[in-house]
Amino acid sequence: MYDYLIVGSGLFGSVFAYEANKRGKKCLVIDKRNHVGGNIYTKNIAGINVHEYGAHIFHTSNKKVWDYIQQFAEFNRYTNSPIAVYKDEIYNMPFNMNTFSRLWNIKTPNEAKEIIEKQKKESGITEPKNLEEQAISMVGKDIYEKLVKGYTGKQWGKPCTELPSFIIRRLPVRFTYDNNYFNDLYQGIPIGGYTQIIEKMLEDIDVRLNYDFFEHREELEKCAKKIVFTGMIDQYFNYCYGELEYRSLRFETEVLDEDNYQGNAVVNYTEYEIPYTRIIEHKHFEYGTQPKTVVTKEYPAKWHKGDEPYYPMNDDKNNSLYARYKELAAQEDRVIFGGRLGMYKYFDMHNVIEEALKCVEKEFDN
């Protein structure tokens, strides 16, 4: 008999399992994949740590979270500075003075602000009602048309006029020549990849891989006093209120017989006509000097039942549906729902750790 069954070996489940184990609790961690780590799993290919499920750059301003993750790996000083390609034009991301200078052939913040203000006035938008209007009111029409519209439409599978405005609000806009995407105080990539972090968290804990909760549900529900569930909350309740919407991804990874393919870890392709959103060159996350390189094209995809869900679609319709599932979850005495899928919320890695540590504190320290 286990104290806790943890469904999913991603960050939330692994942090919880590690902390529960420290407190003398007996845990079983299961994962339907053939490896631990969830979406932060990294695999060594040609001597390069490949982010199998898309680029993962750790960043936080929470010192407690930064100190916590440092227990399990040493981090390098990698700074996320993606490049955006539109047709034959190359721009810096996030939107900053390098972007504005390239686009409008200007030098000063005041010149950039004048152009953006002029475009905002011409648009007539006073209260943005969707992503398109929000983007134009932030950066003007030129940048929206070249760098936001196509990319975001691909990413979410809907035109920007049908997407909620909050999606774009997290995108930084700054009037300095600073290509650092994140404003957070701490940022980096674990030297040697992310998988080692999860392996260290789970080294004294029973783990079963290729083990699907729903295929063994009856047996698993009897084997532990409590369950920490990090899968899809609607699936846990057998979709009784209907399916929540997600976005999925498809990855095409190849090893190239050259040492440097694109000169940057992340290059976004903002034209709608190009089916992938970005190309990741993994060696640049760790300043690699290997003779070969590994690149991944990332294709957004419509989610169907059975596909891997990556992003919750947090629009009003889905948030209302999730609220009903959350009410059901609150009635479950022995089940804790966590992580991006269990809480139906877009979390970065530091958010997941924060949520897991809050959950641990509530469970053990109150």
Protein backbone atom coordinates (compact mmCIF):
# COMPACT_ATOMS: atom_id res chain seq x y z
CA MET A 1 0.00 0.00 0.00
CA TYR A 2 1.39 3.39 -1.02
CA ASP A 3 0.66 6.69 0.66
CA TYR A 4 0.54 8.49 -2.70
CA LEU A 5 0.05 7.44 -6.29
CA ILE A 6 1.43 10.19 -8.53
CA VAL A 7 0.07 10.09 -12.08
CA GLY A 8 2.61 11.78 -14.37
CA SER A 9 6.35 12.26 -13.90
CA GLY A 10 6.54 15.85 -15.09
CA LEU A 11 7.65 18.71 -12.86
CA PHE A 12 4.51 18.89 -10.70
CA GLY A 13 4.32 15.17 -9.98
CA SER A 14 8.06 14.80 -9.47
CA VAL A 15 8.36 17.76 -7.06
CA PHE A 16 5.43 16.43 -5.05
CA ALA A 17 6.87 12.90 -5.01
CA TYR A 18 10.31 14.17 -3.95
CA GLU A 19 8.89 16.26 -1.10
CA ALA A 20 6.52 13.50 0.06
CA ASN A 21 9.37 10.98 0.03
CA LYS A 22 11.51 13.38 2.12
CA ARG A 23 8.73 13.34 4.69
CA GLY A 24 8.75 9.55 4.89
CA LYS A 25 5.76 8.93 2.62
CA LYS A 26 5.78 5.91 0.31
CA CYS A 27 5.09 6.97 -3.29
CA LEU A 28 4.48 5.30 -6.62
CA VAL A 29 4.97 7.43 -9.75
CA ILE A 30 3.50 6.22 -13.03
CA ASP A 31 3.79 7.64 -16.54
CA LYS A 32 2.23 6.51 -19.78
CA ARG A 33 5.36 7.53 -21.71
CA ASN A 34 8.53 5.45 -21.80
CA HIS A 35 10.54 8.06 -19.91
CA VAL A 36 10.28 10.37 -16.90
CA GLY A 37 10.19 14.16 -17.12
CA GLY A 38 6.98 14.89 -19.00
CA ASN A 39 7.44 17.70 -21.51
CA ILE A 40 10.78 18.84 -20.08
CA TYR A 41 12.42 15.54 -21.06
CA THR A 42 15.74 15.96 -22.87
CA LYS A 43 17.43 13.21 -24.87
CA ASN A 44 21.09 13.06 -25.86
CA ILE A 45 21.46 12.84 -29.64
CA ALA A 46 24.88 13.19 -31.29
CA GLY A 47 26.23 14.55 -27.99
CA ILE A 48 23.55 17.28 -27.89
CA ASN A 49 20.78 17.55 -25.27
CA VAL A 50 17.65 17.69 -27.40
CA HIS A 51 14.46 19.23 -25.97
CA GLU A 52 12.11 16.52 -27.25
CA TYR A 53 8.89 18.46 -26.63
CA GLY A 54 9.86 21.99 -27.65
CA ALA A 55 12.20 24.65 -26.29
CA HIS A 56 12.28 24.84 -22.48
CA ILE A 57 14.13 27.85 -21.06
CA PHE A 58 13.98 28.14 -17.30
CA HIS A 59 13.27 31.64 -16.01
CA THR A 60 11.89 33.07 -12.78
CA SER A 61 12.08 36.06 -10.46
CA ASN A 62 11.19 33.87 -7.50
CA LYS A 63 14.44 33.22 -5.60
CA LYS A 64 12.85 30.38 -3.65
CA VAL A 65 12.03 28.55 -6.90
CA TRP A 66 15.46 29.31 -8.42
CA ASP A 67 17.27 28.01 -5.33
CA TYR A 68 15.01 24.96 -5.27
CA ILE A 69 15.74 23.86 -8.85
CA GLN A 70 19.48 24.50 -8.38
CA GLN A 71 19.61 21.55 -5.97
CA PHE A 72 19.26 19.17 -8.87
CA ALA A 73 21.45 20.68 -11.62
CA GLU A 74 23.89 23.44 -12.37
CA PHE A 75 22.44 26.03 -14.76
CA ASN A 76 24.31 27.96 -17.43
CA ARG A 77 23.77 31.64 -18.28
CA TYR A 78 21.69 31.08 -21.42
CA THR A 79 19.56 34.11 -22.34
CA ASN A 80 16.52 33.61 -24.55
CA SER A 81 16.85 35.90 -27.59
CA PRO A 82 14.72 34.44 -30.38
CA ILE A 83 14.79 35.65 -33.98
CA ALA A 84 11.68 36.12 -36.12
CA VAL A 85 11.66 35.54 -39.88
CA TYR A 86 8.99 37.11 -42.09
CA LYS A 87 9.50 36.38 -45.79
CA ASP A 88 13.15 37.41 -46.32
CA GLU A 89 13.25 39.80 -43.37
CA ILE A 90 14.82 39.03 -39.98
CA TYR A 91 13.73 40.70 -36.75
CA ASN A 92 14.70 40.49 -33.10
CA MET A 93 12.27 39.28 -30.47
CA PRO A 94 10.78 40.39 -28.17
CA PHE A 95 9.59 43.63 -29.76
CA ASN A 96 12.33 46.14 -28.91
CA MET A 97 14.34 48.93 -30.46
CA ASN A 98 16.26 46.48 -32.67
CA THR A 99 12.90 45.32 -34.10
CA PHE A 100 11.59 48.87 -34.59
CA SER A 101 14.86 50.10 -36.10
CA ARG A 102 14.92 47.25 -38.64
CA LEU A 103 11.26 47.75 -39.53
CA TRP A 104 11.09 51.54 -39.79
CA ASN A 105 14.76 52.58 -40.22
CA ILE A 106 14.72 54.67 -37.03
CA LYS A 107 17.08 55.05 -34.06
CA THR A 108 15.31 56.50 -31.02
CA PRO A 109 12.55 55.34 -28.65
CA ASN A 110 10.61 58.54 -29.33
CA GLU A 111 10.52 57.83 -33.07
CA ALA A 112 9.24 54.31 -32.40
CA LYS A 113 6.59 55.52 -29.95
CA GLU A 114 5.38 58.16 -32.42
CA ILE A 115 4.91 55.56 -35.18
CA ILE A 116 3.10 53.13 -32.86
CA GLU A 117 0.86 55.88 -31.46
CA LYS A 118 -0.01 57.04 -34.99
CA GLN A 119 -0.95 53.49 -36.03
CA LYS A 120 -2.98 52.97 -32.85
CA LYS A 121 -4.95 56.19 -33.49
CA GLU A 122 -5.57 55.23 -37.12
CA SER A 123 -6.96 51.86 -35.97
CA GLY A 124 -9.58 53.57 -33.78
CA ILE A 125 -9.28 50.84 -31.11
CA THR A 126 -10.04 52.09 -27.60
CA GLU A 127 -11.05 48.90 -25.79
CA PRO A 128 -9.43 45.79 -27.34
CA LYS A 129 -11.96 42.96 -27.63
CA ASN A 130 -9.74 40.27 -29.15
CA LEU A 131 -6.10 39.42 -29.76
CA GLU A 132 -5.84 41.37 -33.01
CA GLU A 133 -7.10 44.58 -31.41
CA GLN A 134 -4.92 44.02 -28.33
CA ALA A 135 -1.79 43.52 -30.46
CA ILE A 136 -2.44 46.61 -32.60
CA SER A 137 -3.04 48.70 -29.47
CA MET A 138 0.33 47.47 -28.09
CA VAL A 139 2.64 47.64 -31.12
CA GLY A 140 0.74 49.08 -34.06
CA LYS A 141 -0.41 47.54 -37.32
CA ASP A 142 2.96 46.95 -39.05
CA ILE A 143 4.34 44.67 -36.35
CA TYR A 144 0.99 42.95 -35.90
CA GLU A 145 0.75 42.13 -39.62
CA LYS A 146 4.33 40.88 -39.96
CA LEU A 147 5.19 39.30 -36.63
CA VAL A 148 1.97 38.46 -34.75
CA LYS A 149 -0.91 37.67 -37.08
CA GLY A 150 0.39 34.64 -38.97
CA TYR A 151 2.39 33.11 -36.11
CA THR A 152 -0.45 33.37 -33.59
CA GLY A 153 -3.04 32.11 -36.06
CA LYS A 154 -0.89 29.03 -36.68
CA GLN A 155 -0.19 28.51 -32.99
CA TRP A 156 -3.83 28.51 -31.89
CA GLY A 157 -5.55 27.33 -35.05
CA LYS A 158 -7.89 30.33 -35.12
CA PRO A 159 -7.72 33.85 -36.61
CA CYS A 160 -6.57 36.50 -34.13
CA THR A 161 -10.02 38.11 -34.24
CA GLU A 162 -11.40 34.96 -32.56
CA LEU A 163 -8.72 34.69 -29.84
CA PRO A 164 -8.87 36.30 -26.38
CA SER A 165 -6.73 39.40 -25.91
CA PHE A 166 -4.91 38.10 -22.81
CA ILE A 167 -2.77 35.69 -24.90
CA ILE A 168 -0.71 38.56 -26.34
CA ARG A 169 -0.41 40.53 -23.10
CA ARG A 170 2.41 38.34 -21.80
CA LEU A 171 4.57 39.26 -24.81
CA PRO A 172 7.15 41.88 -23.80
CA VAL A 173 7.38 45.23 -25.62
CA ARG A 174 10.29 47.48 -24.71
CA PHE A 175 11.88 50.63 -26.02
CA THR A 176 15.49 49.59 -25.39
CA TYR A 177 17.99 47.69 -27.53
CA ASP A 178 17.57 44.59 -25.36
CA ASN A 179 16.95 41.18 -26.99
CA ASN A 180 16.48 39.32 -23.70
CA TYR A 181 12.99 37.85 -24.06
CA PHE A 182 12.34 37.47 -20.33
CA ASN A 183 12.48 40.20 -17.71
CA ASP A 184 13.04 37.66 -14.96
CA LEU A 185 15.98 37.96 -12.59
CA TYR A 186 17.10 34.34 -13.04
CA GLN A 187 17.40 32.48 -16.33
CA GLY A 188 19.32 29.55 -17.76
CA ILE A 189 19.42 25.98 -19.04
CA PRO A 190 20.55 23.03 -16.89
CA ILE A 191 24.00 21.89 -18.03
CA GLY A 192 23.41 18.33 -19.18
CA GLY A 193 19.69 18.75 -19.85
CA TYR A 194 16.48 18.55 -17.82
CA THR A 195 16.04 14.78 -17.51
CA GLN A 196 18.72 14.55 -14.80
CA ILE A 197 16.63 16.88 -12.59
CA ILE A 198 13.64 14.54 -12.62
CA GLU A 199 15.84 11.46 -12.23
CA LYS A 200 17.38 12.95 -9.08
CA MET A 201 13.94 13.84 -7.69
CA LEU A 202 12.71 10.29 -8.24
CA GLU A 203 15.85 8.27 -7.49
CA ASP A 204 14.51 6.70 -4.25
CA ILE A 205 10.91 6.34 -5.46
CA ASP A 206 9.08 3.50 -7.22
CA VAL A 207 8.46 4.45 -10.87
CA ARG A 208 6.49 2.55 -13.52
CA LEU A 209 6.83 3.70 -17.14
CA ASN A 210 4.62 2.76 -20.11
CA TYR A 211 1.88 2.56 -17.51
CA ASP A 212 -1.40 4.27 -18.33
CA PHE A 213 -3.59 5.24 -15.38
CA PHE A 214 -6.79 4.70 -17.34
CA GLU A 215 -5.80 1.20 -18.48
CA HIS A 216 -5.09 0.14 -14.87
CA ARG A 217 -7.43 2.51 -13.05
CA GLU A 218 -9.25 0.01 -10.84
CA GLU A 219 -6.03 -1.60 -9.61
CA LEU A 220 -4.23 1.75 -9.16
CA GLU A 221 -7.01 3.44 -7.20
CA LYS A 222 -6.75 0.66 -4.63
CA CYS A 223 -2.97 0.78 -4.27
CA ALA A 224 -2.64 4.18 -2.56
CA LYS A 225 -4.35 6.24 0.11
CA LYS A 226 -4.27 9.39 -2.05
CA ILE A 227 -3.72 10.24 -5.71
CA VAL A 228 -1.89 13.20 -7.26
CA PHE A 229 -3.27 13.46 -10.79
CA THR A 230 -1.46 15.59 -13.39
CA GLY A 231 -3.29 14.38 -16.50
CA MET A 232 -6.32 15.95 -18.18
CA ILE A 233 -8.97 16.77 -15.59
CA ASP A 234 -11.83 16.16 -18.06
CA GLN A 235 -10.48 12.69 -18.87
CA TYR A 236 -10.29 11.84 -15.16
CA PHE A 237 -14.04 12.48 -14.94
CA ASN A 238 -14.66 10.55 -18.18
CA TYR A 239 -15.54 13.76 -20.07
CA CYS A 240 -18.88 13.81 -18.23
CA TYR A 241 -19.46 17.51 -19.06
CA GLY A 242 -17.81 17.29 -22.48
CA GLU A 243 -14.24 17.69 -23.75
CA LEU A 244 -12.06 20.65 -22.88
CA GLU A 245 -10.11 22.01 -25.85
CA TYR A 246 -6.33 21.80 -26.13
CA ARG A 247 -3.71 22.53 -28.76
CA SER A 248 -1.28 19.85 -29.76
CA LEU A 249 2.15 19.92 -31.39
CA ARG A 250 4.06 17.79 -33.86
CA PHE A 251 7.86 17.72 -33.97
CA GLU A 252 10.19 16.86 -36.85
CA THR A 253 13.74 16.38 -35.60
CA GLU A 254 16.81 15.67 -37.73
CA VAL A 255 20.57 15.44 -37.28
CA LEU A 256 22.46 17.59 -39.78
CA ASP A 257 26.04 17.04 -40.85
CA GLU A 258 27.06 20.64 -40.17
CA ASP A 259 28.11 22.45 -37.04
CA ASN A 260 25.75 25.45 -37.14
CA TYR A 261 22.46 25.54 -39.04
CA GLN A 262 20.78 28.82 -38.08
CA GLY A 263 23.05 30.59 -35.58
CA ASN A 264 20.39 30.78 -32.84
CA ALA A 265 18.56 28.34 -30.58
CA VAL A 266 15.07 29.55 -31.56
CA VAL A 267 13.97 31.06 -34.88
CA ASN A 268 10.26 31.85 -35.30
CA TYR A 269 8.57 31.77 -38.71
CA THR A 270 5.75 34.30 -38.65
CA GLU A 271 4.17 33.80 -42.10
CA TYR A 272 0.94 31.85 -41.94
CA GLU A 273 1.86 30.02 -45.17
CA ILE A 274 4.87 28.31 -43.53
CA PRO A 275 3.26 25.44 -41.57
CA TYR A 276 5.73 25.31 -38.67
CA THR A 277 5.99 28.05 -36.06
CA ARG A 278 9.67 27.72 -35.26
CA ILE A 279 12.91 25.83 -35.76
CA ILE A 280 14.92 24.94 -32.67
CA GLU A 281 18.66 24.28 -32.91
CA HIS A 282 19.32 22.53 -29.62
CA LYS A 283 23.10 22.82 -29.32
CA HIS A 284 22.86 26.61 -28.86
CA PHE A 285 21.05 26.15 -25.52
CA GLU A 286 24.33 24.88 -24.07
CA TYR A 287 26.86 26.67 -26.31
CA GLY A 288 27.66 23.39 -28.07
CA THR A 289 30.71 22.93 -30.28
CA GLN A 290 29.81 19.47 -31.62
CA PRO A 291 30.64 18.78 -35.30
CA LYS A 292 26.97 17.98 -36.03
CA THR A 293 23.76 19.77 -35.10
CA VAL A 294 20.19 18.72 -34.28
CA VAL A 295 17.22 20.82 -35.41
CA THR A 296 13.50 20.45 -34.71
CA LYS A 297 10.64 21.96 -36.68
CA GLU A 298 7.61 22.59 -34.46
CA TYR A 299 4.18 22.28 -36.04
CA PRO A 300 1.05 23.35 -34.14
CA ALA A 301 -1.82 20.88 -34.51
CA LYS A 302 -5.50 20.56 -33.76
CA TRP A 303 -6.01 18.32 -30.75
CA HIS A 304 -8.14 15.19 -31.05
CA LYS A 305 -8.89 12.75 -28.27
CA GLY A 306 -5.83 10.48 -27.91
CA ASP A 307 -3.36 13.16 -29.08
CA GLU A 308 -0.85 14.70 -26.72
CA PRO A 309 -2.35 17.90 -25.23
CA TYR A 310 0.20 20.73 -24.85
CA TYR A 311 -1.75 23.96 -24.35
CA PRO A 312 -5.14 24.49 -22.72
CA MET A 313 -7.43 26.77 -24.75
CA ASN A 314 -8.23 29.23 -21.98
CA ASP A 315 -11.04 31.13 -23.68
CA ASP A 316 -14.34 31.92 -21.95
CA LYS A 317 -16.11 28.80 -23.20
CA ASN A 318 -13.41 26.40 -22.01
CA ASN A 319 -12.80 28.22 -18.73
CA SER A 320 -16.52 27.92 -17.94
CA LEU A 321 -16.40 24.20 -18.68
CA TYR A 322 -13.27 23.79 -16.56
CA ALA A 323 -15.03 25.55 -13.65
CA ARG A 324 -17.59 22.73 -13.66
CA TYR A 325 -14.85 20.09 -13.57
CA LYS A 326 -13.09 22.03 -10.81
CA GLU A 327 -16.25 21.78 -8.71
CA LEU A 328 -16.20 18.01 -9.18
CA ALA A 329 -12.52 17.94 -8.25
CA ALA A 330 -13.21 19.80 -5.02
CA GLN A 331 -15.49 16.94 -3.95
CA GLU A 332 -12.72 14.34 -4.34
CA ASP A 333 -11.32 13.74 -0.85
CA ARG A 334 -8.36 11.63 -1.91
CA VAL A 335 -7.37 13.17 -5.24
CA ILE A 336 -5.15 16.24 -5.79
CA PHE A 337 -5.20 17.76 -9.30
CA GLY A 338 -2.05 19.56 -10.42
CA GLY A 339 0.02 20.78 -13.34
CA ARG A 340 -0.95 22.33 -16.66
CA LEU A 341 -3.51 19.64 -17.54
CA GLY A 342 -4.85 18.92 -14.07
CA MET A 343 -5.45 22.63 -13.42
CA TYR A 344 -6.23 23.52 -17.07
CA LYS A 345 -3.93 26.52 -17.09
CA TYR A 346 -0.92 27.60 -19.12
CA PHE A 347 2.03 27.32 -16.74
CA ASP A 348 5.72 27.94 -17.34
CA MET A 349 8.15 25.67 -15.49
CA HIS A 350 8.65 28.03 -12.56
CA ASN A 351 4.86 28.34 -12.16
CA VAL A 352 4.55 24.55 -11.97
CA ILE A 353 7.20 24.36 -9.24
CA GLU A 354 5.49 27.17 -7.30
CA GLU A 355 2.14 25.35 -7.54
CA ALA A 356 3.67 22.02 -6.53
CA LEU A 357 5.41 23.53 -3.50
CA LYS A 358 2.15 25.26 -2.48
CA CYS A 359 0.40 21.91 -2.76
CA VAL A 360 3.11 20.23 -0.65
CA GLU A 361 2.81 22.94 2.01
CA LYS A 362 -0.97 22.55 2.14
CA GLU A 363 -0.74 18.76 2.30
CA PHE A 364 2.06 18.33 4.83
CA ASP A 365 2.97 21.57 6.59
CA ASN A 366 -0.37 23.03 7.71
